[in-house]
Amino acid sequence: MASPGLFLREHTDECVIIDEIQRLPSLYSHLRALIDERRDPARFILLGSASPSIIKGVSESLAGRVFFTELMPFSLLEAEGLASWQAHWLRGGFPNALTMTQCIDLLEGGFLVNRLQPGYANLGKRLVKTPKIYIRDSGLLHHLMRIRDYDSLLGNPVLGASWEGYVIEQIMRATHRKWEYYFYRTQHGAEVDLVLVNPAGTMYCIEIKFSSAPVLSKGFYHSIEDLQPAHKYVIVPAGDSYPKEGGIRVINLHDFLSTVVAVRV
């Protein structure tokens, strides 16, 4: 965020949730001034990794202005219906340890979420095996996140994930779900947002960026070396198509759907 102080001041009448605040400690001074101007409780909710140094820093920077609450794993009563006491005892109460798959199955069966599986091939790499979960309709996601207008979306931390899920859903719709869809991620950091394989076996590696001038990570280039796709694209919201190094092409979503995917269904 280019002007966090300005953004916070423009949203003084709303509850603002800031995730991973320890990455931007300069926000503390902005928050301190805004809190002192109006002492309404819970105007700002700060989330982040817990460590003694971080808690100490927040306590000193926002002394007398902050209340800490600990997010505990699910208790046995909270996990009732999801896990037996034996499973809860064995696996603990963090969400990934409980049998949440049934809930996701129900949502997927109701066409509310999309489960993008990892893959794609056995290349001798240690791959991440946990699927990605997307809410298929972006409007539903934004409603649940209480994002009421486009400007609020642009300033929300969910922006990148929302755009990624939206693009993937539009590609699946355009291809009528007749292609293969994966994401690729190794435990060493190589990653591609979406791997497409059409019925003829042609592979596309897709990176999804909400930016007019996307910067690609080394992990994307490493993934291309691993997978050796026939086509490499970076999908952005708008703008003219143009090439990048390594045979990669930047293209807006509408043009990708209408000129790249639709003609090959």
C-alpha atoms as a PDB file:
ATOM      1  CA  MET A   1       0.000   0.000   0.000  1.00  0.00           C
ATOM      2  CA  ALA A   2       1.551   3.266  -1.132  1.00  0.00           C
ATOM      3  CA  SER A   3      -0.098   5.579   1.443  1.00  0.00           C
ATOM      4  CA  PRO A   4      -1.220   3.528   4.444  1.00  0.00           C
ATOM      5  CA  GLY A   5      -1.816   6.586   6.611  1.00  0.00           C
ATOM      6  CA  LEU A   6      -4.144   8.103   4.014  1.00  0.00           C
ATOM      7  CA  PHE A   7      -5.990   4.810   3.534  1.00  0.00           C
ATOM      8  CA  LEU A   8      -6.554   4.396   7.277  1.00  0.00           C
ATOM      9  CA  ARG A   9      -7.767   7.959   7.651  1.00  0.00           C
ATOM     10  CA  GLU A  10     -10.238   7.522   4.787  1.00  0.00           C
ATOM     11  CA  HIS A  11     -11.758   4.505   6.538  1.00  0.00           C
ATOM     12  CA  THR A  12     -12.110   5.869  10.072  1.00  0.00           C
ATOM     13  CA  ASP A  13     -15.799   4.913  10.229  1.00  0.00           C
ATOM     14  CA  GLU A  14     -15.155   1.268   9.388  1.00  0.00           C
ATOM     15  CA  CYS A  15     -13.559  -1.694  11.086  1.00  0.00           C
ATOM     16  CA  VAL A  16     -10.151  -2.127   9.432  1.00  0.00           C
ATOM     17  CA  ILE A  17      -8.427  -5.525   9.613  1.00  0.00           C
ATOM     18  CA  ILE A  18      -4.655  -5.481   9.052  1.00  0.00           C
ATOM     19  CA  ASP A  19      -2.972  -8.839   8.553  1.00  0.00           C
ATOM     20  CA  GLU A  20       0.736  -9.541   9.114  1.00  0.00           C
ATOM     21  CA  ILE A  21       1.221  -6.095  10.656  1.00  0.00           C
ATOM     22  CA  GLN A  22       4.696  -7.040  11.841  1.00  0.00           C
ATOM     23  CA  ARG A  23       5.867  -6.587   8.240  1.00  0.00           C
ATOM     24  CA  LEU A  24       5.104  -2.854   8.379  1.00  0.00           C
ATOM     25  CA  PRO A  25       5.849  -1.535  11.881  1.00  0.00           C
ATOM     26  CA  SER A  26       5.608   2.057  10.604  1.00  0.00           C
ATOM     27  CA  LEU A  27       1.825   1.602  10.740  1.00  0.00           C
ATOM     28  CA  TYR A  28       1.917   1.780  14.527  1.00  0.00           C
ATOM     29  CA  SER A  29       2.435   5.552  14.547  1.00  0.00           C
ATOM     30  CA  HIS A  30      -0.516   6.071  12.163  1.00  0.00           C
ATOM     31  CA  LEU A  31      -2.717   3.833  14.285  1.00  0.00           C
ATOM     32  CA  ARG A  32      -1.685   5.535  17.516  1.00  0.00           C
ATOM     33  CA  ALA A  33      -2.733   8.947  16.184  1.00  0.00           C
ATOM     34  CA  LEU A  34      -6.073   7.687  14.867  1.00  0.00           C
ATOM     35  CA  ILE A  35      -6.873   5.800  18.061  1.00  0.00           C
ATOM     36  CA  ASP A  36      -6.109   8.883  20.164  1.00  0.00           C
ATOM     37  CA  GLU A  37      -8.479  10.945  18.020  1.00  0.00           C
ATOM     38  CA  ARG A  38     -11.357   8.560  18.702  1.00  0.00           C
ATOM     39  CA  ARG A  39     -11.262   5.834  21.340  1.00  0.00           C
ATOM     40  CA  ASP A  40     -13.971   3.538  19.942  1.00  0.00           C
ATOM     41  CA  PRO A  41     -13.125  -0.128  20.663  1.00  0.00           C
ATOM     42  CA  ALA A  42     -12.270  -2.617  17.917  1.00  0.00           C
ATOM     43  CA  ARG A  43     -11.859  -0.027  15.149  1.00  0.00           C
ATOM     44  CA  PHE A  44      -8.645  -1.763  14.124  1.00  0.00           C
ATOM     45  CA  ILE A  45      -8.043  -5.513  14.278  1.00  0.00           C
ATOM     46  CA  LEU A  46      -4.383  -6.445  13.948  1.00  0.00           C
ATOM     47  CA  LEU A  47      -3.412  -9.953  12.896  1.00  0.00           C
ATOM     48  CA  GLY A  48       0.046 -11.383  12.625  1.00  0.00           C
ATOM     49  CA  SER A  49       2.551 -13.983  13.619  1.00  0.00           C
ATOM     50  CA  ALA A  50       3.031 -14.143  17.359  1.00  0.00           C
ATOM     51  CA  SER A  51       6.497 -13.864  18.849  1.00  0.00           C
ATOM     52  CA  PRO A  52       7.750 -12.208  22.031  1.00  0.00           C
ATOM     53  CA  SER A  53       9.529  -9.473  20.073  1.00  0.00           C
ATOM     54  CA  ILE A  54       6.448  -8.618  17.998  1.00  0.00           C
ATOM     55  CA  ILE A  55       4.148  -8.551  21.026  1.00  0.00           C
ATOM     56  CA  LYS A  56       6.655  -6.405  22.884  1.00  0.00           C
ATOM     57  CA  GLY A  57       6.869  -3.980  19.943  1.00  0.00           C
ATOM     58  CA  VAL A  58       3.101  -3.622  19.677  1.00  0.00           C
ATOM     59  CA  SER A  59       2.753  -3.213  23.432  1.00  0.00           C
ATOM     60  CA  GLU A  60       5.311  -0.408  23.476  1.00  0.00           C
ATOM     61  CA  SER A  61       4.098   1.362  20.317  1.00  0.00           C
ATOM     62  CA  LEU A  62       0.410   1.170  21.212  1.00  0.00           C
ATOM     63  CA  ALA A  63       0.643   1.208  24.995  1.00  0.00           C
ATOM     64  CA  GLY A  64      -2.765   1.693  26.579  1.00  0.00           C
ATOM     65  CA  ARG A  65      -4.444   1.369  23.174  1.00  0.00           C
ATOM     66  CA  VAL A  66      -4.298  -2.367  22.457  1.00  0.00           C
ATOM     67  CA  PHE A  67      -5.952  -5.530  23.734  1.00  0.00           C
ATOM     68  CA  PHE A  68      -4.492  -8.946  22.926  1.00  0.00           C
ATOM     69  CA  THR A  69      -6.577 -12.025  22.246  1.00  0.00           C
ATOM     70  CA  GLU A  70      -5.120 -15.439  21.566  1.00  0.00           C
ATOM     71  CA  LEU A  71      -6.517 -17.479  18.682  1.00  0.00           C
ATOM     72  CA  MET A  72      -6.524 -20.980  20.090  1.00  0.00           C
ATOM     73  CA  PRO A  73      -6.942 -24.212  18.103  1.00  0.00           C
ATOM     74  CA  PHE A  74     -10.404 -25.772  18.093  1.00  0.00           C
ATOM     75  CA  SER A  75     -11.356 -27.232  21.444  1.00  0.00           C
ATOM     76  CA  LEU A  76     -13.011 -30.649  21.709  1.00  0.00           C
ATOM     77  CA  LEU A  77     -16.479 -29.081  21.976  1.00  0.00           C
ATOM     78  CA  GLU A  78     -15.824 -26.757  19.023  1.00  0.00           C
ATOM     79  CA  ALA A  79     -14.648 -29.727  16.947  1.00  0.00           C
ATOM     80  CA  GLU A  80     -17.726 -31.807  17.796  1.00  0.00           C
ATOM     81  CA  GLY A  81     -19.041 -33.417  14.647  1.00  0.00           C
ATOM     82  CA  LEU A  82     -15.723 -32.922  12.865  1.00  0.00           C
ATOM     83  CA  ALA A  83     -13.529 -35.269  14.851  1.00  0.00           C
ATOM     84  CA  SER A  84     -13.817 -37.846  17.596  1.00  0.00           C
ATOM     85  CA  TRP A  85     -12.106 -37.155  20.896  1.00  0.00           C
ATOM     86  CA  GLN A  86      -9.491 -39.741  19.931  1.00  0.00           C
ATOM     87  CA  ALA A  87      -8.727 -37.957  16.651  1.00  0.00           C
ATOM     88  CA  HIS A  88      -8.754 -34.566  18.366  1.00  0.00           C
ATOM     89  CA  TRP A  89      -6.362 -35.850  21.019  1.00  0.00           C
ATOM     90  CA  LEU A  90      -4.048 -37.375  18.411  1.00  0.00           C
ATOM     91  CA  ARG A  91      -4.067 -34.597  15.800  1.00  0.00           C
ATOM     92  CA  GLY A  92      -4.735 -31.491  17.864  1.00  0.00           C
ATOM     93  CA  GLY A  93      -7.151 -28.683  17.131  1.00  0.00           C
ATOM     94  CA  PHE A  94      -5.627 -26.724  14.280  1.00  0.00           C
ATOM     95  CA  PRO A  95      -7.991 -26.678  11.274  1.00  0.00           C
ATOM     96  CA  ASN A  96      -5.743 -28.608   8.897  1.00  0.00           C
ATOM     97  CA  ALA A  97      -5.599 -31.448  11.416  1.00  0.00           C
ATOM     98  CA  LEU A  98      -9.385 -31.942  11.631  1.00  0.00           C
ATOM     99  CA  THR A  99     -11.598 -33.665   9.145  1.00  0.00           C
ATOM    100  CA  MET A 100     -12.719 -30.470   7.320  1.00  0.00           C
ATOM    101  CA  THR A 101     -12.863 -32.306   3.978  1.00  0.00           C
ATOM    102  CA  GLN A 102     -16.524 -33.192   4.468  1.00  0.00           C
ATOM    103  CA  CYS A 103     -17.468 -29.519   4.767  1.00  0.00           C
ATOM    104  CA  ILE A 104     -15.503 -28.644   1.632  1.00  0.00           C
ATOM    105  CA  ASP A 105     -17.078 -31.592  -0.199  1.00  0.00           C
ATOM    106  CA  LEU A 106     -20.534 -30.195   0.583  1.00  0.00           C
ATOM    107  CA  LEU A 107     -19.582 -26.718  -0.631  1.00  0.00           C
ATOM    108  CA  GLU A 108     -17.986 -28.119  -3.775  1.00  0.00           C
ATOM    109  CA  GLY A 109     -21.030 -30.316  -4.412  1.00  0.00           C
ATOM    110  CA  GLY A 110     -23.181 -27.206  -4.184  1.00  0.00           C
ATOM    111  CA  PHE A 111     -20.975 -25.486  -6.801  1.00  0.00           C
ATOM    112  CA  LEU A 112     -19.948 -22.837  -4.279  1.00  0.00           C
ATOM    113  CA  VAL A 113     -16.221 -23.554  -4.119  1.00  0.00           C
ATOM    114  CA  ASN A 114     -13.626 -24.888  -6.506  1.00  0.00           C
ATOM    115  CA  ARG A 115     -10.867 -27.208  -5.349  1.00  0.00           C
ATOM    116  CA  LEU A 116      -7.785 -26.753  -7.541  1.00  0.00           C
ATOM    117  CA  GLN A 117      -5.571 -29.793  -7.219  1.00  0.00           C
ATOM    118  CA  PRO A 118      -1.767 -29.723  -7.102  1.00  0.00           C
ATOM    119  CA  GLY A 119       0.309 -31.412  -9.730  1.00  0.00           C
ATOM    120  CA  TYR A 120       1.319 -31.784 -12.453  1.00  0.00           C
ATOM    121  CA  ALA A 121       3.879 -34.518 -13.067  1.00  0.00           C
ATOM    122  CA  ASN A 122       6.429 -36.653 -11.320  1.00  0.00           C
ATOM    123  CA  LEU A 123       9.587 -34.688 -12.042  1.00  0.00           C
ATOM    124  CA  GLY A 124      11.566 -35.869  -9.042  1.00  0.00           C
ATOM    125  CA  LYS A 125      10.495 -32.735  -7.165  1.00  0.00           C
ATOM    126  CA  ARG A 126       8.938 -32.508  -3.720  1.00  0.00           C
ATOM    127  CA  LEU A 127       5.555 -31.025  -4.522  1.00  0.00           C
ATOM    128  CA  VAL A 128       3.019 -29.352  -2.265  1.00  0.00           C
ATOM    129  CA  LYS A 129       0.063 -31.741  -2.061  1.00  0.00           C
ATOM    130  CA  THR A 130      -2.655 -29.617  -0.436  1.00  0.00           C
ATOM    131  CA  PRO A 131      -5.278 -28.313  -2.903  1.00  0.00           C
ATOM    132  CA  LYS A 132      -6.215 -24.655  -3.185  1.00  0.00           C
ATOM    133  CA  ILE A 133      -9.795 -23.719  -2.332  1.00  0.00           C
ATOM    134  CA  TYR A 134     -11.548 -20.871  -4.160  1.00  0.00           C
ATOM    135  CA  ILE A 135     -15.027 -19.453  -3.690  1.00  0.00           C
ATOM    136  CA  ARG A 136     -16.322 -19.714  -7.229  1.00  0.00           C
ATOM    137  CA  ASP A 137     -18.435 -16.576  -7.292  1.00  0.00           C
ATOM    138  CA  SER A 138     -16.301 -13.549  -6.462  1.00  0.00           C
ATOM    139  CA  GLY A 139     -19.363 -11.555  -5.407  1.00  0.00           C
ATOM    140  CA  LEU A 140     -20.087 -14.085  -2.675  1.00  0.00           C
ATOM    141  CA  LEU A 141     -16.492 -13.831  -1.463  1.00  0.00           C
ATOM    142  CA  HIS A 142     -16.641 -10.042  -1.383  1.00  0.00           C
ATOM    143  CA  HIS A 143     -19.951 -10.092   0.457  1.00  0.00           C
ATOM    144  CA  LEU A 144     -18.519 -12.429   3.102  1.00  0.00           C
ATOM    145  CA  MET A 145     -15.488 -10.145   3.412  1.00  0.00           C
ATOM    146  CA  ARG A 146     -17.828  -7.113   3.680  1.00  0.00           C
ATOM    147  CA  ILE A 147     -16.260  -5.493   0.642  1.00  0.00           C
ATOM    148  CA  ARG A 148     -19.006  -3.208  -0.607  1.00  0.00           C
ATOM    149  CA  ASP A 149     -17.444  -1.309  -3.520  1.00  0.00           C
ATOM    150  CA  TYR A 150     -14.587  -1.464  -6.004  1.00  0.00           C
ATOM    151  CA  ASP A 151     -12.391   1.056  -4.156  1.00  0.00           C
ATOM    152  CA  SER A 152     -12.678  -1.022  -0.987  1.00  0.00           C
ATOM    153  CA  LEU A 153     -11.653  -4.108  -2.936  1.00  0.00           C
ATOM    154  CA  LEU A 154      -8.544  -2.366  -4.262  1.00  0.00           C
ATOM    155  CA  GLY A 155      -7.431  -1.595  -0.712  1.00  0.00           C
ATOM    156  CA  ASN A 156      -8.240  -4.997   0.751  1.00  0.00           C
ATOM    157  CA  PRO A 157      -5.574  -7.659   1.451  1.00  0.00           C
ATOM    158  CA  VAL A 158      -7.787 -10.234  -0.293  1.00  0.00           C
ATOM    159  CA  LEU A 159      -7.371  -8.428  -3.648  1.00  0.00           C
ATOM    160  CA  GLY A 160      -4.703 -10.742  -5.091  1.00  0.00           C
ATOM    161  CA  ALA A 161      -6.390 -13.966  -3.999  1.00  0.00           C
ATOM    162  CA  SER A 162      -9.776 -12.715  -5.198  1.00  0.00           C
ATOM    163  CA  TRP A 163      -8.397 -11.840  -8.635  1.00  0.00           C
ATOM    164  CA  GLU A 164      -6.641 -15.209  -8.883  1.00  0.00           C
ATOM    165  CA  GLY A 165      -9.812 -17.122  -8.038  1.00  0.00           C
ATOM    166  CA  TYR A 166     -11.870 -14.988 -10.418  1.00  0.00           C
ATOM    167  CA  VAL A 167      -9.469 -15.581 -13.318  1.00  0.00           C
ATOM    168  CA  ILE A 168      -9.334 -19.331 -12.728  1.00  0.00           C
ATOM    169  CA  GLU A 169     -13.132 -19.570 -12.607  1.00  0.00           C
ATOM    170  CA  GLN A 170     -13.463 -17.591 -15.869  1.00  0.00           C
ATOM    171  CA  ILE A 171     -10.930 -19.852 -17.592  1.00  0.00           C
ATOM    172  CA  MET A 172     -12.766 -22.967 -16.434  1.00  0.00           C
ATOM    173  CA  ARG A 173     -16.038 -21.509 -17.702  1.00  0.00           C
ATOM    174  CA  ALA A 174     -14.526 -20.580 -21.072  1.00  0.00           C
ATOM    175  CA  THR A 175     -13.088 -24.076 -21.537  1.00  0.00           C
ATOM    176  CA  HIS A 176     -16.336 -25.714 -20.337  1.00  0.00           C
ATOM    177  CA  ARG A 177     -14.271 -27.686 -17.829  1.00  0.00           C
ATOM    178  CA  LYS A 178     -12.993 -29.908 -20.640  1.00  0.00           C
ATOM    179  CA  TRP A 179      -9.322 -29.170 -19.976  1.00  0.00           C
ATOM    180  CA  GLU A 180      -7.100 -30.252 -17.106  1.00  0.00           C
ATOM    181  CA  TYR A 181      -6.421 -27.687 -14.367  1.00  0.00           C
ATOM    182  CA  TYR A 182      -3.685 -27.752 -11.756  1.00  0.00           C
ATOM    183  CA  PHE A 183      -1.408 -25.507  -9.802  1.00  0.00           C
ATOM    184  CA  TYR A 184       2.279 -26.310  -9.438  1.00  0.00           C
ATOM    185  CA  ARG A 185       4.301 -25.642  -6.336  1.00  0.00           C
ATOM    186  CA  THR A 186       7.431 -27.299  -5.021  1.00  0.00           C
ATOM    187  CA  GLN A 187       8.628 -27.193  -1.449  1.00  0.00           C
ATOM    188  CA  HIS A 188      11.624 -25.180  -2.669  1.00  0.00           C
ATOM    189  CA  GLY A 189       9.523 -22.252  -3.901  1.00  0.00           C
ATOM    190  CA  ALA A 190       8.894 -22.937  -7.594  1.00  0.00           C
ATOM    191  CA  GLU A 191       5.270 -22.028  -8.271  1.00  0.00           C
ATOM    192  CA  VAL A 192       2.734 -21.524 -11.067  1.00  0.00           C
ATOM    193  CA  ASP A 193      -0.765 -20.264 -10.275  1.00  0.00           C
ATOM    194  CA  LEU A 194      -2.431 -22.382 -12.950  1.00  0.00           C
ATOM    195  CA  VAL A 195      -1.314 -25.158 -15.278  1.00  0.00           C
ATOM    196  CA  LEU A 196      -3.686 -25.840 -18.176  1.00  0.00           C
ATOM    197  CA  VAL A 197      -3.614 -28.864 -20.447  1.00  0.00           C
ATOM    198  CA  ASN A 198      -6.006 -28.893 -23.390  1.00  0.00           C
ATOM    199  CA  PRO A 199      -7.538 -32.092 -24.843  1.00  0.00           C
ATOM    200  CA  ALA A 200      -4.690 -32.324 -27.358  1.00  0.00           C
ATOM    201  CA  GLY A 201      -2.149 -32.419 -24.522  1.00  0.00           C
ATOM    202  CA  THR A 202      -0.780 -28.896 -24.999  1.00  0.00           C
ATOM    203  CA  MET A 203       0.362 -27.314 -21.748  1.00  0.00           C
ATOM    204  CA  TYR A 204      -0.017 -23.681 -20.672  1.00  0.00           C
ATOM    205  CA  CYS A 205       1.624 -22.170 -17.605  1.00  0.00           C
ATOM    206  CA  ILE A 206      -0.335 -19.219 -16.245  1.00  0.00           C
ATOM    207  CA  GLU A 207       0.688 -16.605 -13.700  1.00  0.00           C
ATOM    208  CA  ILE A 208      -2.097 -14.324 -12.452  1.00  0.00           C
ATOM    209  CA  LYS A 209      -1.265 -10.771 -11.387  1.00  0.00           C
ATOM    210  CA  PHE A 210      -3.417  -7.766 -10.543  1.00  0.00           C
ATOM    211  CA  SER A 211      -0.934  -5.308 -11.988  1.00  0.00           C
ATOM    212  CA  SER A 212      -0.324  -3.360 -15.181  1.00  0.00           C
ATOM    213  CA  ALA A 213       3.408  -4.071 -14.904  1.00  0.00           C
ATOM    214  CA  PRO A 214       3.683  -7.533 -13.328  1.00  0.00           C
ATOM    215  CA  VAL A 215       6.949  -8.634 -11.750  1.00  0.00           C
ATOM    216  CA  LEU A 216       7.544 -12.373 -11.951  1.00  0.00           C
ATOM    217  CA  SER A 217       9.264 -14.325  -9.218  1.00  0.00           C
ATOM    218  CA  LYS A 218      12.188 -16.660  -9.677  1.00  0.00           C
ATOM    219  CA  GLY A 219       9.813 -19.420  -8.660  1.00  0.00           C
ATOM    220  CA  PHE A 220       7.766 -18.925 -11.822  1.00  0.00           C
ATOM    221  CA  TYR A 221      10.847 -19.172 -14.030  1.00  0.00           C
ATOM    222  CA  HIS A 222      12.010 -22.288 -12.158  1.00  0.00           C
ATOM    223  CA  SER A 223       8.581 -23.841 -12.709  1.00  0.00           C
ATOM    224  CA  ILE A 224       8.804 -23.182 -16.432  1.00  0.00           C
ATOM    225  CA  GLU A 225      12.165 -24.951 -16.470  1.00  0.00           C
ATOM    226  CA  ASP A 226      10.580 -27.893 -14.653  1.00  0.00           C
ATOM    227  CA  LEU A 227       7.427 -28.191 -16.758  1.00  0.00           C
ATOM    228  CA  GLN A 228       8.587 -27.021 -20.187  1.00  0.00           C
ATOM    229  CA  PRO A 229       5.132 -25.788 -21.281  1.00  0.00           C
ATOM    230  CA  ALA A 230       4.274 -24.928 -24.864  1.00  0.00           C
ATOM    231  CA  HIS A 231       2.794 -21.567 -23.834  1.00  0.00           C
ATOM    232  CA  LYS A 232       3.512 -19.150 -20.966  1.00  0.00           C
ATOM    233  CA  TYR A 233       1.198 -16.309 -20.035  1.00  0.00           C
ATOM    234  CA  VAL A 234       0.801 -13.672 -17.344  1.00  0.00           C
ATOM    235  CA  ILE A 235      -2.852 -12.654 -17.038  1.00  0.00           C
ATOM    236  CA  VAL A 236      -3.509  -9.082 -15.896  1.00  0.00           C
ATOM    237  CA  PRO A 237      -6.751  -7.055 -15.610  1.00  0.00           C
ATOM    238  CA  ALA A 238      -6.357  -4.688 -18.561  1.00  0.00           C
ATOM    239  CA  GLY A 239      -3.966  -3.240 -21.124  1.00  0.00           C
ATOM    240  CA  ASP A 240      -2.388  -4.291 -24.384  1.00  0.00           C
ATOM    241  CA  SER A 241      -0.630  -7.613 -24.766  1.00  0.00           C
ATOM    242  CA  TYR A 242       3.162  -7.583 -24.852  1.00  0.00           C
ATOM    243  CA  PRO A 243       6.045 -10.072 -24.630  1.00  0.00           C
ATOM    244  CA  LYS A 244       8.447 -10.601 -21.750  1.00  0.00           C
ATOM    245  CA  GLU A 245      11.728 -12.444 -21.655  1.00  0.00           C
ATOM    246  CA  GLY A 246      11.692 -16.220 -21.916  1.00  0.00           C
ATOM    247  CA  GLY A 247       8.805 -16.429 -24.368  1.00  0.00           C
ATOM    248  CA  ILE A 248       6.294 -15.213 -21.764  1.00  0.00           C
ATOM    249  CA  ARG A 249       3.382 -13.071 -22.885  1.00  0.00           C
ATOM    250  CA  VAL A 250       1.465 -10.601 -20.714  1.00  0.00           C
ATOM    251  CA  ILE A 251      -2.196 -10.466 -21.699  1.00  0.00           C
ATOM    252  CA  ASN A 252      -5.405  -9.101 -20.206  1.00  0.00           C
ATOM    253  CA  LEU A 253      -8.064 -11.553 -19.066  1.00  0.00           C
ATOM    254  CA  HIS A 254     -10.651 -10.697 -21.731  1.00  0.00           C
ATOM    255  CA  ASP A 255      -8.173 -11.160 -24.578  1.00  0.00           C
ATOM    256  CA  PHE A 256      -6.900 -14.418 -23.099  1.00  0.00           C
ATOM    257  CA  LEU A 257     -10.421 -15.831 -22.885  1.00  0.00           C
ATOM    258  CA  SER A 258     -11.506 -14.629 -26.331  1.00  0.00           C
ATOM    259  CA  THR A 259      -8.350 -15.167 -28.400  1.00  0.00           C
ATOM    260  CA  VAL A 260      -6.295 -17.857 -26.664  1.00  0.00           C
ATOM    261  CA  VAL A 261      -8.694 -20.209 -24.905  1.00  0.00           C
ATOM    262  CA  ALA A 262     -12.035 -19.958 -26.687  1.00  0.00           C
ATOM    263  CA  VAL A 263     -10.685 -20.841 -30.130  1.00  0.00           C
ATOM    264  CA  ARG A 264      -9.084 -24.009 -28.776  1.00  0.00           C
ATOM    265  CA  VAL A 265     -11.964 -25.499 -26.800  1.00  0.00           C
END
